[in-house]
Amino acid sequence: MATKGYKREHGLTIEQLNAVELLVMGKTDKEVAEAVGVNRVTVTKWRLYDPYFQAELNRRRKEIWGVAVDRFRSLLLKALNTVEKALNEGDTRTAVEILRMAGLDMTKGGGTLGTYLVGETEAEKILEELAEAKKREETFKAFSVADWEKKSVLDELEELARRLERLQTRTGT
């Protein structure tokens, strides 16, 4: 099957909208491609490189996430008790990991519950994130630092962000 084109001014095509629904249901790119009548590579390109497709996919995921949040709320008291117990026992790593799994790790710029786990729902914000990532990449290229050193620096920055967040939480700022 050939890659099908579409006109941006008309929004997403029917194939793309159908693909979003199938991806949200957990179908693979190959299964989606067969169902909507396009090449698997086309679905992968939409998913990885088309910010408008990504935004719609994230919007649908967020809707589904809303249902999960309702269930999450019903389990919240139990989860908070577990976090409190871990903290009281000095097990901050477990407490932080539980919060991270719950989508409450705000080290990625202070996103809200769901945004952190699902992703942006606005194509413009996705484009901004891509531009920022490209800018960071270009900055690192200018210094010709080895890849493992880049990762080390980024890991350190992320750890500092987590520490800052914990301090802000403790001091109430």
N, C-alpha and C. Protein backbone atom coordinates (compact mmCIF):
# COMPACT_ATOMS: atom_id res chain seq x y z
N MET A 1 0.83 -1.19 0.00
CA MET A 1 0.00 0.00 0.00
C MET A 1 0.87 1.25 0.00
N ALA A 2 0.44 2.24 -0.71
CA ALA A 2 1.19 3.49 -0.79
C ALA A 2 0.83 4.40 0.37
N THR A 3 1.73 5.31 0.67
CA THR A 3 1.46 6.31 1.69
C THR A 3 0.45 7.29 1.13
N LYS A 4 -0.65 7.51 1.89
CA LYS A 4 -1.69 8.42 1.43
C LYS A 4 -1.43 9.81 1.97
N GLY A 5 -1.58 10.81 1.11
CA GLY A 5 -1.41 12.19 1.52
C GLY A 5 -2.72 12.75 2.07
N TYR A 6 -2.68 13.91 2.65
CA TYR A 6 -3.87 14.58 3.15
C TYR A 6 -3.61 16.06 3.20
N LYS A 7 -4.68 16.83 3.22
CA LYS A 7 -4.54 18.27 3.24
C LYS A 7 -4.68 18.77 4.67
N ARG A 8 -3.68 19.48 5.14
CA ARG A 8 -3.65 19.95 6.52
C ARG A 8 -4.81 20.91 6.83
N GLU A 9 -5.20 21.70 5.84
CA GLU A 9 -6.24 22.70 6.11
C GLU A 9 -7.59 22.07 6.44
N HIS A 10 -7.76 20.81 6.11
CA HIS A 10 -9.01 20.12 6.42
C HIS A 10 -8.91 19.28 7.68
N GLY A 11 -7.83 19.42 8.43
CA GLY A 11 -7.66 18.64 9.65
C GLY A 11 -7.24 17.23 9.33
N LEU A 12 -7.49 16.33 10.26
CA LEU A 12 -7.10 14.94 10.07
C LEU A 12 -8.06 14.25 9.11
N THR A 13 -7.54 13.29 8.38
CA THR A 13 -8.37 12.52 7.46
C THR A 13 -9.18 11.50 8.24
N ILE A 14 -10.16 10.90 7.56
CA ILE A 14 -10.96 9.84 8.18
C ILE A 14 -10.04 8.69 8.60
N GLU A 15 -9.07 8.36 7.74
CA GLU A 15 -8.13 7.28 8.08
C GLU A 15 -7.37 7.61 9.36
N GLN A 16 -6.95 8.87 9.49
CA GLN A 16 -6.21 9.26 10.69
C GLN A 16 -7.09 9.22 11.93
N LEU A 17 -8.32 9.71 11.81
CA LEU A 17 -9.23 9.68 12.95
C LEU A 17 -9.53 8.24 13.37
N ASN A 18 -9.73 7.37 12.39
CA ASN A 18 -9.95 5.96 12.70
C ASN A 18 -8.70 5.35 13.34
N ALA A 19 -7.54 5.74 12.85
CA ALA A 19 -6.28 5.24 13.41
C ALA A 19 -6.14 5.65 14.87
N VAL A 20 -6.51 6.88 15.18
CA VAL A 20 -6.45 7.36 16.56
C VAL A 20 -7.30 6.47 17.46
N GLU A 21 -8.53 6.20 17.03
CA GLU A 21 -9.42 5.36 17.84
C GLU A 21 -8.83 3.98 18.08
N LEU A 22 -8.24 3.40 17.05
CA LEU A 22 -7.66 2.06 17.19
C LEU A 22 -6.41 2.07 18.06
N LEU A 23 -5.58 3.09 17.92
CA LEU A 23 -4.38 3.19 18.75
C LEU A 23 -4.75 3.36 20.22
N VAL A 24 -5.78 4.14 20.48
CA VAL A 24 -6.24 4.35 21.85
C VAL A 24 -6.71 3.02 22.46
N MET A 25 -7.24 2.14 21.62
CA MET A 25 -7.70 0.84 22.10
C MET A 25 -6.55 -0.15 22.27
N GLY A 26 -5.32 0.29 21.96
CA GLY A 26 -4.17 -0.56 22.18
C GLY A 26 -3.71 -1.37 20.98
N LYS A 27 -4.25 -1.08 19.81
CA LYS A 27 -3.83 -1.79 18.60
C LYS A 27 -2.42 -1.36 18.19
N THR A 28 -1.71 -2.27 17.53
CA THR A 28 -0.37 -1.97 17.04
C THR A 28 -0.48 -1.16 15.74
N ASP A 29 0.63 -0.56 15.33
CA ASP A 29 0.66 0.18 14.07
C ASP A 29 0.25 -0.72 12.91
N LYS A 30 0.72 -1.95 12.92
CA LYS A 30 0.40 -2.89 11.84
C LYS A 30 -1.10 -3.20 11.81
N GLU A 31 -1.69 -3.46 12.97
CA GLU A 31 -3.13 -3.74 13.04
C GLU A 31 -3.94 -2.54 12.59
N VAL A 32 -3.52 -1.36 13.01
CA VAL A 32 -4.21 -0.13 12.63
C VAL A 32 -4.12 0.08 11.13
N ALA A 33 -2.93 -0.10 10.57
CA ALA A 33 -2.73 0.09 9.13
C ALA A 33 -3.64 -0.82 8.32
N GLU A 34 -3.72 -2.08 8.72
CA GLU A 34 -4.58 -3.03 8.00
C GLU A 34 -6.04 -2.62 8.11
N ALA A 35 -6.45 -2.16 9.28
CA ALA A 35 -7.85 -1.79 9.49
C ALA A 35 -8.26 -0.54 8.72
N VAL A 36 -7.37 0.44 8.61
CA VAL A 36 -7.74 1.70 7.94
C VAL A 36 -7.29 1.75 6.49
N GLY A 37 -6.54 0.75 6.04
CA GLY A 37 -6.18 0.66 4.63
C GLY A 37 -4.99 1.50 4.21
N VAL A 38 -4.01 1.64 5.10
CA VAL A 38 -2.78 2.34 4.75
C VAL A 38 -1.59 1.46 5.11
N ASN A 39 -0.41 1.90 4.73
CA ASN A 39 0.81 1.19 5.04
C ASN A 39 1.16 1.37 6.51
N ARG A 40 1.77 0.37 7.12
CA ARG A 40 2.17 0.46 8.52
C ARG A 40 3.10 1.65 8.75
N VAL A 41 3.99 1.90 7.81
CA VAL A 41 4.93 3.02 7.94
C VAL A 41 4.17 4.35 8.01
N THR A 42 3.06 4.43 7.30
CA THR A 42 2.24 5.65 7.33
C THR A 42 1.72 5.90 8.75
N VAL A 43 1.21 4.86 9.38
CA VAL A 43 0.70 5.00 10.75
C VAL A 43 1.83 5.40 11.69
N THR A 44 2.98 4.76 11.53
CA THR A 44 4.13 5.09 12.37
C THR A 44 4.55 6.54 12.17
N LYS A 45 4.56 7.01 10.93
CA LYS A 45 4.92 8.41 10.65
C LYS A 45 3.92 9.36 11.30
N TRP A 46 2.63 9.04 11.17
CA TRP A 46 1.62 9.88 11.81
C TRP A 46 1.90 9.96 13.31
N ARG A 47 2.10 8.80 13.92
CA ARG A 47 2.25 8.71 15.37
C ARG A 47 3.52 9.40 15.86
N LEU A 48 4.61 9.31 15.11
CA LEU A 48 5.89 9.84 15.56
C LEU A 48 6.20 11.25 15.09
N TYR A 49 5.68 11.63 13.91
CA TYR A 49 6.14 12.89 13.31
C TYR A 49 5.06 13.92 13.01
N ASP A 50 3.80 13.58 13.16
CA ASP A 50 2.73 14.52 12.83
C ASP A 50 2.16 15.11 14.12
N PRO A 51 2.51 16.36 14.44
CA PRO A 51 2.05 16.94 15.71
C PRO A 51 0.53 17.05 15.81
N TYR A 52 -0.16 17.20 14.71
CA TYR A 52 -1.62 17.29 14.75
C TYR A 52 -2.22 15.93 15.08
N PHE A 53 -1.65 14.89 14.50
CA PHE A 53 -2.08 13.52 14.81
C PHE A 53 -1.75 13.21 16.27
N GLN A 54 -0.54 13.57 16.71
CA GLN A 54 -0.13 13.32 18.09
C GLN A 54 -1.06 14.04 19.07
N ALA A 55 -1.41 15.27 18.74
CA ALA A 55 -2.29 16.04 19.62
C ALA A 55 -3.65 15.37 19.74
N GLU A 56 -4.21 14.91 18.63
CA GLU A 56 -5.51 14.24 18.67
C GLU A 56 -5.41 12.92 19.44
N LEU A 57 -4.35 12.18 19.21
CA LEU A 57 -4.14 10.93 19.93
C LEU A 57 -4.02 11.20 21.43
N ASN A 58 -3.29 12.23 21.80
CA ASN A 58 -3.16 12.59 23.21
C ASN A 58 -4.49 13.06 23.80
N ARG A 59 -5.29 13.79 23.01
CA ARG A 59 -6.61 14.23 23.48
C ARG A 59 -7.48 13.02 23.81
N ARG A 60 -7.49 12.05 22.91
CA ARG A 60 -8.29 10.83 23.14
C ARG A 60 -7.76 10.04 24.33
N ARG A 61 -6.44 9.95 24.44
CA ARG A 61 -5.86 9.25 25.59
C ARG A 61 -6.25 9.95 26.89
N LYS A 62 -6.26 11.28 26.84
CA LYS A 62 -6.62 12.05 28.03
C LYS A 62 -8.07 11.79 28.43
N GLU A 63 -8.96 11.66 27.45
CA GLU A 63 -10.36 11.33 27.76
C GLU A 63 -10.43 9.99 28.49
N ILE A 64 -9.72 9.02 27.95
CA ILE A 64 -9.71 7.70 28.57
C ILE A 64 -9.04 7.78 29.94
N TRP A 65 -8.00 8.60 30.02
CA TRP A 65 -7.31 8.79 31.28
C TRP A 65 -8.27 9.34 32.33
N GLY A 66 -9.22 10.19 31.91
CA GLY A 66 -10.20 10.74 32.84
C GLY A 66 -10.99 9.67 33.55
N VAL A 67 -11.36 8.63 32.83
CA VAL A 67 -12.08 7.50 33.44
C VAL A 67 -11.17 6.81 34.44
N ALA A 68 -9.92 6.63 34.07
CA ALA A 68 -8.96 5.99 34.97
C ALA A 68 -8.73 6.84 36.21
N VAL A 69 -8.77 8.17 36.05
CA VAL A 69 -8.57 9.06 37.19
C VAL A 69 -9.70 8.89 38.20
N ASP A 70 -10.92 8.69 37.72
CA ASP A 70 -12.03 8.45 38.64
C ASP A 70 -11.76 7.23 39.51
N ARG A 71 -11.27 6.18 38.88
CA ARG A 71 -10.92 4.97 39.64
C ARG A 71 -9.74 5.26 40.55
N PHE A 72 -8.80 6.01 40.04
CA PHE A 72 -7.62 6.38 40.83
C PHE A 72 -8.04 7.13 42.09
N ARG A 73 -8.99 8.03 41.96
CA ARG A 73 -9.45 8.80 43.13
C ARG A 73 -9.99 7.88 44.21
N SER A 74 -10.68 6.81 43.77
CA SER A 74 -11.23 5.89 44.76
C SER A 74 -10.12 5.12 45.49
N LEU A 75 -8.97 5.01 44.88
CA LEU A 75 -7.84 4.31 45.50
C LEU A 75 -6.84 5.28 46.15
N LEU A 76 -7.11 6.57 46.03
CA LEU A 76 -6.15 7.58 46.47
C LEU A 76 -5.83 7.48 47.96
N LEU A 77 -6.83 7.31 48.80
CA LEU A 77 -6.59 7.24 50.24
C LEU A 77 -5.65 6.09 50.58
N LYS A 78 -5.90 4.94 49.97
CA LYS A 78 -5.05 3.78 50.20
C LYS A 78 -3.62 4.07 49.72
N ALA A 79 -3.50 4.69 48.57
CA ALA A 79 -2.17 5.02 48.03
C ALA A 79 -1.45 6.01 48.93
N LEU A 80 -2.17 7.02 49.41
CA LEU A 80 -1.55 8.01 50.30
C LEU A 80 -1.08 7.36 51.60
N ASN A 81 -1.87 6.42 52.11
CA ASN A 81 -1.45 5.70 53.32
C ASN A 81 -0.16 4.93 53.06
N THR A 82 -0.05 4.33 51.88
CA THR A 82 1.16 3.59 51.51
C THR A 82 2.35 4.53 51.41
N VAL A 83 2.15 5.69 50.79
CA VAL A 83 3.22 6.69 50.68
C VAL A 83 3.63 7.16 52.07
N GLU A 84 2.64 7.45 52.90
CA GLU A 84 2.94 7.91 54.26
C GLU A 84 3.73 6.86 55.04
N LYS A 85 3.33 5.61 54.91
CA LYS A 85 4.03 4.52 55.60
C LYS A 85 5.48 4.43 55.10
N ALA A 86 5.67 4.52 53.78
CA ALA A 86 7.02 4.46 53.22
C ALA A 86 7.87 5.61 53.74
N LEU A 87 7.30 6.81 53.78
CA LEU A 87 8.03 7.97 54.28
C LEU A 87 8.37 7.82 55.76
N ASN A 88 7.40 7.34 56.55
CA ASN A 88 7.64 7.14 57.98
C ASN A 88 8.72 6.11 58.24
N GLU A 89 8.85 5.16 57.34
CA GLU A 89 9.88 4.13 57.48
C GLU A 89 11.20 4.56 56.83
N GLY A 90 11.24 5.80 56.35
CA GLY A 90 12.47 6.31 55.74
C GLY A 90 12.70 5.84 54.31
N ASP A 91 11.67 5.28 53.70
CA ASP A 91 11.80 4.74 52.34
C ASP A 91 11.31 5.77 51.33
N THR A 92 12.07 6.85 51.16
CA THR A 92 11.65 7.93 50.26
C THR A 92 11.65 7.49 48.81
N ARG A 93 12.55 6.57 48.47
CA ARG A 93 12.62 6.10 47.07
C ARG A 93 11.29 5.45 46.66
N THR A 94 10.75 4.60 47.54
CA THR A 94 9.46 3.96 47.24
C THR A 94 8.36 5.00 47.16
N ALA A 95 8.34 5.95 48.08
CA ALA A 95 7.31 6.98 48.08
C ALA A 95 7.36 7.79 46.79
N VAL A 96 8.56 8.19 46.38
CA VAL A 96 8.71 8.98 45.15
C VAL A 96 8.28 8.14 43.94
N GLU A 97 8.65 6.87 43.92
CA GLU A 97 8.28 6.01 42.80
C GLU A 97 6.77 5.83 42.72
N ILE A 98 6.11 5.69 43.86
CA ILE A 98 4.65 5.56 43.87
C ILE A 98 4.02 6.83 43.30
N LEU A 99 4.51 7.98 43.72
CA LEU A 99 3.99 9.25 43.20
C LEU A 99 4.25 9.38 41.70
N ARG A 100 5.43 8.96 41.27
CA ARG A 100 5.77 9.02 39.85
C ARG A 100 4.84 8.12 39.05
N MET A 101 4.58 6.91 39.55
CA MET A 101 3.69 5.98 38.85
C MET A 101 2.26 6.54 38.80
N ALA A 102 1.91 7.32 39.80
CA ALA A 102 0.58 7.92 39.84
C ALA A 102 0.48 9.14 38.93
N GLY A 103 1.59 9.53 38.31
CA GLY A 103 1.56 10.67 37.41
C GLY A 103 1.74 11.99 38.13
N LEU A 104 2.24 11.93 39.36
CA LEU A 104 2.40 13.15 40.14
C LEU A 104 3.83 13.66 40.15
N ASP A 105 4.68 13.12 39.31
CA ASP A 105 6.05 13.61 39.18
C ASP A 105 6.02 14.82 38.27
N MET A 106 6.21 15.99 38.84
CA MET A 106 6.07 17.23 38.08
C MET A 106 7.40 17.77 37.60
N THR A 107 8.44 16.95 37.54
CA THR A 107 9.75 17.45 37.16
C THR A 107 9.83 17.83 35.70
N LYS A 108 8.83 17.49 34.90
CA LYS A 108 8.85 17.82 33.47
C LYS A 108 8.16 19.16 33.21
N GLY A 109 8.34 20.11 34.06
CA GLY A 109 7.80 21.43 33.79
C GLY A 109 6.47 21.71 34.47
N GLY A 110 6.12 20.92 35.47
CA GLY A 110 4.92 21.20 36.24
C GLY A 110 3.63 20.85 35.54
N GLY A 111 3.63 19.82 34.73
CA GLY A 111 2.40 19.39 34.07
C GLY A 111 1.38 18.91 35.06
N THR A 112 0.16 18.74 34.62
CA THR A 112 -0.89 18.26 35.50
C THR A 112 -1.01 16.75 35.37
N LEU A 113 -1.74 16.16 36.30
CA LEU A 113 -1.97 14.73 36.26
C LEU A 113 -2.58 14.39 34.91
N GLY A 114 -2.03 13.45 34.22
CA GLY A 114 -2.52 13.10 32.89
C GLY A 114 -1.69 13.73 31.80
N THR A 115 -1.43 15.02 31.88
CA THR A 115 -0.59 15.66 30.87
C THR A 115 0.79 15.03 30.91
N TYR A 116 1.28 14.80 32.12
CA TYR A 116 2.61 14.21 32.25
C TYR A 116 2.65 12.82 31.64
N LEU A 117 1.61 12.02 31.89
CA LEU A 117 1.60 10.65 31.41
C LEU A 117 1.17 10.54 29.96
N VAL A 118 0.24 11.36 29.53
CA VAL A 118 -0.33 11.24 28.20
C VAL A 118 0.42 12.09 27.19
N GLY A 119 0.71 13.30 27.50
CA GLY A 119 1.37 14.19 26.55
C GLY A 119 0.48 15.36 26.21
N GLU A 120 1.03 16.28 25.47
CA GLU A 120 0.32 17.50 25.11
C GLU A 120 -0.81 17.21 24.12
N THR A 121 -1.86 18.01 24.22
CA THR A 121 -3.00 17.86 23.31
C THR A 121 -3.06 18.99 22.29
N GLU A 122 -2.11 19.90 22.34
CA GLU A 122 -2.05 20.99 21.38
C GLU A 122 -0.84 20.80 20.48
N ALA A 123 -1.07 20.80 19.18
CA ALA A 123 0.02 20.58 18.22
C ALA A 123 1.12 21.63 18.38
N GLU A 124 0.74 22.87 18.68
CA GLU A 124 1.73 23.93 18.82
C GLU A 124 2.69 23.63 19.98
N LYS A 125 2.16 23.10 21.08
CA LYS A 125 3.01 22.78 22.23
C LYS A 125 3.94 21.63 21.90
N ILE A 126 3.46 20.66 21.14
CA ILE A 126 4.32 19.56 20.70
C ILE A 126 5.45 20.11 19.84
N LEU A 127 5.11 21.02 18.94
CA LEU A 127 6.13 21.64 18.09
C LEU A 127 7.15 22.42 18.93
N GLU A 128 6.67 23.12 19.97
CA GLU A 128 7.57 23.86 20.85
C GLU A 128 8.52 22.91 21.57
N GLU A 129 7.98 21.77 22.06
CA GLU A 129 8.83 20.79 22.75
C GLU A 129 9.88 20.23 21.80
N LEU A 130 9.48 19.96 20.55
CA LEU A 130 10.43 19.46 19.56
C LEU A 130 11.52 20.49 19.29
N ALA A 131 11.13 21.77 19.20
CA ALA A 131 12.10 22.83 18.97
C ALA A 131 13.08 22.95 20.14
N GLU A 132 12.55 22.85 21.37
CA GLU A 132 13.41 22.91 22.55
C GLU A 132 14.38 21.73 22.57
N ALA A 133 13.89 20.55 22.24
CA ALA A 133 14.76 19.36 22.21
C ALA A 133 15.85 19.53 21.16
N LYS A 134 15.47 20.07 20.00
CA LYS A 134 16.44 20.30 18.93
C LYS A 134 17.50 21.31 19.38
N LYS A 135 17.04 22.37 20.07
CA LYS A 135 17.96 23.39 20.55
C LYS A 135 18.95 22.79 21.56
N ARG A 136 18.44 21.94 22.49
CA ARG A 136 19.32 21.28 23.45
C ARG A 136 20.32 20.39 22.74
N GLU A 137 19.84 19.67 21.73
CA GLU A 137 20.72 18.78 20.96
C GLU A 137 21.82 19.58 20.27
N GLU A 138 21.45 20.71 19.67
CA GLU A 138 22.44 21.55 18.99
C GLU A 138 23.45 22.11 19.98
N THR A 139 22.99 22.46 21.18
CA THR A 139 23.90 22.98 22.21
C THR A 139 24.93 21.93 22.57
N PHE A 140 24.47 20.70 22.76
CA PHE A 140 25.40 19.63 23.11
C PHE A 140 26.36 19.33 21.97
N LYS A 141 25.89 19.42 20.73
CA LYS A 141 26.76 19.17 19.58
C LYS A 141 27.90 20.19 19.54
N ALA A 142 27.61 21.42 19.92
CA ALA A 142 28.62 22.48 19.88
C ALA A 142 29.79 22.17 20.81
N PHE A 143 29.52 21.45 21.89
CA PHE A 143 30.57 21.12 22.85
C PHE A 143 31.25 19.79 22.53
N SER A 144 30.74 19.05 21.56
CA SER A 144 31.24 17.74 21.15
C SER A 144 31.52 16.83 22.35
N VAL A 145 30.51 16.70 23.19
CA VAL A 145 30.60 15.85 24.38
C VAL A 145 30.10 14.46 24.00
N ALA A 146 30.70 13.43 24.57
CA ALA A 146 30.28 12.06 24.28
C ALA A 146 28.85 11.85 24.76
N ASP A 147 28.13 10.92 24.10
CA ASP A 147 26.72 10.67 24.43
C ASP A 147 26.52 10.31 25.90
N TRP A 148 27.39 9.49 26.44
CA TRP A 148 27.20 9.09 27.83
C TRP A 148 27.38 10.27 28.77
N GLU A 149 28.22 11.22 28.39
CA GLU A 149 28.40 12.42 29.21
C GLU A 149 27.15 13.29 29.14
N LYS A 150 26.54 13.37 27.97
CA LYS A 150 25.29 14.13 27.82
C LYS A 150 24.23 13.55 28.74
N LYS A 151 24.08 12.23 28.68
CA LYS A 151 23.08 11.57 29.50
C LYS A 151 23.36 11.82 30.98
N SER A 152 24.62 11.76 31.36
CA SER A 152 25.00 11.99 32.74
C SER A 152 24.60 13.40 33.20
N VAL A 153 24.87 14.39 32.37
CA VAL A 153 24.51 15.77 32.69
C VAL A 153 22.99 15.91 32.80
N LEU A 154 22.26 15.34 31.85
CA LEU A 154 20.80 15.43 31.89
C LEU A 154 20.24 14.71 33.11
N ASP A 155 20.81 13.55 33.44
CA ASP A 155 20.37 12.83 34.64
C ASP A 155 20.59 13.66 35.89
N GLU A 156 21.75 14.32 35.96
CA GLU A 156 22.03 15.18 37.11
C GLU A 156 21.04 16.34 37.19
N LEU A 157 20.72 16.94 36.04
CA LEU A 157 19.76 18.05 36.03
C LEU A 157 18.38 17.57 36.47
N GLU A 158 17.96 16.39 36.00
CA GLU A 158 16.67 15.86 36.41
C GLU A 158 16.65 15.57 37.91
N GLU A 159 17.74 15.04 38.45
CA GLU A 159 17.83 14.78 39.89
C GLU A 159 17.75 16.08 40.67
N LEU A 160 18.44 17.12 40.20
CA LEU A 160 18.36 18.43 40.85
C LEU A 160 16.94 18.98 40.82
N ALA A 161 16.24 18.78 39.70
CA ALA A 161 14.85 19.24 39.60
C ALA A 161 13.98 18.51 40.61
N ARG A 162 14.19 17.20 40.75
CA ARG A 162 13.42 16.42 41.73
C ARG A 162 13.71 16.90 43.15
N ARG A 163 14.98 17.17 43.45
CA ARG A 163 15.33 17.65 44.79
C ARG A 163 14.69 19.00 45.07
N LEU A 164 14.74 19.88 44.08
CA LEU A 164 14.13 21.20 44.23
C LEU A 164 12.64 21.07 44.48
N GLU A 165 11.99 20.19 43.74
CA GLU A 165 10.55 19.99 43.93
C GLU A 165 10.26 19.49 45.34
N ARG A 166 11.07 18.55 45.84
CA ARG A 166 10.85 18.04 47.19
C ARG A 166 11.04 19.16 48.21
N LEU A 167 12.06 19.98 48.02
CA LEU A 167 12.28 21.10 48.94
C LEU A 167 11.12 22.08 48.90
N GLN A 168 10.62 22.37 47.69
CA GLN A 168 9.50 23.29 47.57
C GLN A 168 8.26 22.72 48.23
N THR A 169 8.06 21.41 48.10
CA THR A 169 6.90 20.76 48.71
C THR A 169 7.00 20.83 50.23
N ARG A 170 8.20 20.59 50.75
CA ARG A 170 8.40 20.61 52.20
C ARG A 170 8.23 22.01 52.77
N THR A 171 8.69 23.03 52.05
CA THR A 171 8.62 24.40 52.56
C THR A 171 7.32 25.09 52.19
N GLY A 172 6.52 24.44 51.33
CA GLY A 172 5.23 25.01 50.95
C GLY A 172 5.31 26.15 49.97
N THR A 173 6.41 26.25 49.21
CA THR A 173 6.53 27.34 48.23
C THR A 173 6.21 26.86 46.86
